[in-house]
Amino acid sequence: MAFDRQITLDGETADRIATQVLMEHRDFMREQLGAAEVGEVRLHPEDSLNYQKCMDAMNYLLKNYFGEN
């Protein structure tokens, strides 16, 4: 079923939403990596590497486009 609704947001609101989503997902991946290091969860070595690469990219975006750390 397709939805035909549209939501219009100003740029500032869209940026705040994007920033929040990036930060939350980055923090989740950081928690998973930390838990894997102490043996609380199991991550495939490729997943660990991809998580780190993705977090690096998110950090770059947050710092250079959104001014966040």
C-alpha atoms as a PDB file:
ATOM      1  CA  MET A   1       0.000   0.000   0.000  1.00  0.00           C
ATOM      2  CA  ALA A   2       1.503   3.323  -1.037  1.00  0.00           C
ATOM      3  CA  PHE A   3       1.061   6.424   1.069  1.00  0.00           C
ATOM      4  CA  ASP A   4       0.514   9.653  -0.778  1.00  0.00           C
ATOM      5  CA  ARG A   5       1.173  11.992   2.135  1.00  0.00           C
ATOM      6  CA  GLN A   6       3.872  14.621   2.090  1.00  0.00           C
ATOM      7  CA  ILE A   7       5.562  16.344   4.973  1.00  0.00           C
ATOM      8  CA  THR A   8       7.264  19.652   4.438  1.00  0.00           C
ATOM      9  CA  LEU A   9      10.038  20.689   6.805  1.00  0.00           C
ATOM     10  CA  ASP A  10      12.210  23.767   6.863  1.00  0.00           C
ATOM     11  CA  GLY A  11      15.938  23.154   6.397  1.00  0.00           C
ATOM     12  CA  GLU A  12      16.838  23.788  10.018  1.00  0.00           C
ATOM     13  CA  THR A  13      14.363  21.205  11.294  1.00  0.00           C
ATOM     14  CA  ALA A  14      15.501  18.660   8.712  1.00  0.00           C
ATOM     15  CA  ASP A  15      19.127  19.236   9.755  1.00  0.00           C
ATOM     16  CA  ARG A  16      18.264  18.754  13.434  1.00  0.00           C
ATOM     17  CA  ILE A  17      16.479  15.484  12.646  1.00  0.00           C
ATOM     18  CA  ALA A  18      19.372  14.252  10.491  1.00  0.00           C
ATOM     19  CA  THR A  19      21.885  15.178  13.187  1.00  0.00           C
ATOM     20  CA  GLN A  20      19.919  13.377  15.893  1.00  0.00           C
ATOM     21  CA  VAL A  21      19.502  10.224  13.787  1.00  0.00           C
ATOM     22  CA  LEU A  22      23.219  10.131  12.896  1.00  0.00           C
ATOM     23  CA  MET A  23      24.253  10.641  16.522  1.00  0.00           C
ATOM     24  CA  GLU A  24      21.883   7.969  17.847  1.00  0.00           C
ATOM     25  CA  HIS A  25      22.960   5.406  15.264  1.00  0.00           C
ATOM     26  CA  ARG A  26      26.655   6.203  15.801  1.00  0.00           C
ATOM     27  CA  ASP A  27      26.200   5.807  19.564  1.00  0.00           C
ATOM     28  CA  PHE A  28      24.419   2.476  19.061  1.00  0.00           C
ATOM     29  CA  MET A  29      27.273   1.155  16.928  1.00  0.00           C
ATOM     30  CA  ARG A  30      29.819   2.414  19.471  1.00  0.00           C
ATOM     31  CA  GLU A  31      27.957   0.553  22.238  1.00  0.00           C
ATOM     32  CA  GLN A  32      27.890  -2.642  20.166  1.00  0.00           C
ATOM     33  CA  LEU A  33      31.626  -2.417  19.466  1.00  0.00           C
ATOM     34  CA  GLY A  34      32.342  -1.840  23.153  1.00  0.00           C
ATOM     35  CA  ALA A  35      30.147  -4.753  24.165  1.00  0.00           C
ATOM     36  CA  ALA A  36      31.898  -6.969  21.606  1.00  0.00           C
ATOM     37  CA  GLU A  37      35.294  -6.044  23.041  1.00  0.00           C
ATOM     38  CA  VAL A  38      34.314  -7.319  26.479  1.00  0.00           C
ATOM     39  CA  GLY A  39      32.498 -10.382  25.111  1.00  0.00           C
ATOM     40  CA  GLU A  40      28.937  -9.282  25.846  1.00  0.00           C
ATOM     41  CA  VAL A  41      27.893  -9.548  22.189  1.00  0.00           C
ATOM     42  CA  ARG A  42      29.346 -11.311  19.174  1.00  0.00           C
ATOM     43  CA  LEU A  43      30.126  -9.299  16.048  1.00  0.00           C
ATOM     44  CA  HIS A  44      31.622 -10.782  12.922  1.00  0.00           C
ATOM     45  CA  PRO A  45      35.074  -9.247  12.299  1.00  0.00           C
ATOM     46  CA  GLU A  46      33.837  -7.705   9.039  1.00  0.00           C
ATOM     47  CA  ASP A  47      30.900  -6.150  10.876  1.00  0.00           C
ATOM     48  CA  SER A  48      33.257  -4.648  13.445  1.00  0.00           C
ATOM     49  CA  LEU A  49      35.362  -3.127  10.677  1.00  0.00           C
ATOM     50  CA  ASN A  50      32.282  -1.837   8.842  1.00  0.00           C
ATOM     51  CA  TYR A  51      30.882  -0.352  12.052  1.00  0.00           C
ATOM     52  CA  GLN A  52      34.127   1.539  12.586  1.00  0.00           C
ATOM     53  CA  LYS A  53      34.195   2.802   8.985  1.00  0.00           C
ATOM     54  CA  CYS A  54      30.566   3.876   9.225  1.00  0.00           C
ATOM     55  CA  MET A  55      31.169   5.639  12.552  1.00  0.00           C
ATOM     56  CA  ASP A  56      34.147   7.472  11.047  1.00  0.00           C
ATOM     57  CA  ALA A  57      31.948   8.652   8.165  1.00  0.00           C
ATOM     58  CA  MET A  58      29.191   9.725  10.563  1.00  0.00           C
ATOM     59  CA  ASN A  59      31.709  11.631  12.687  1.00  0.00           C
ATOM     60  CA  TYR A  60      32.969  13.394   9.557  1.00  0.00           C
ATOM     61  CA  LEU A  61      29.446  14.377   8.524  1.00  0.00           C
ATOM     62  CA  LEU A  62      28.481  15.522  12.002  1.00  0.00           C
ATOM     63  CA  LYS A  63      31.622  17.613  12.381  1.00  0.00           C
ATOM     64  CA  ASN A  64      31.926  19.108   8.902  1.00  0.00           C
ATOM     65  CA  TYR A  65      28.301  19.531   7.869  1.00  0.00           C
ATOM     66  CA  PHE A  66      26.406  19.884  11.105  1.00  0.00           C
ATOM     67  CA  GLY A  67      29.063  21.343  13.429  1.00  0.00           C
ATOM     68  CA  GLU A  68      28.615  18.598  16.021  1.00  0.00           C
ATOM     69  CA  ASN A  69      31.207  16.436  17.749  1.00  0.00           C
END
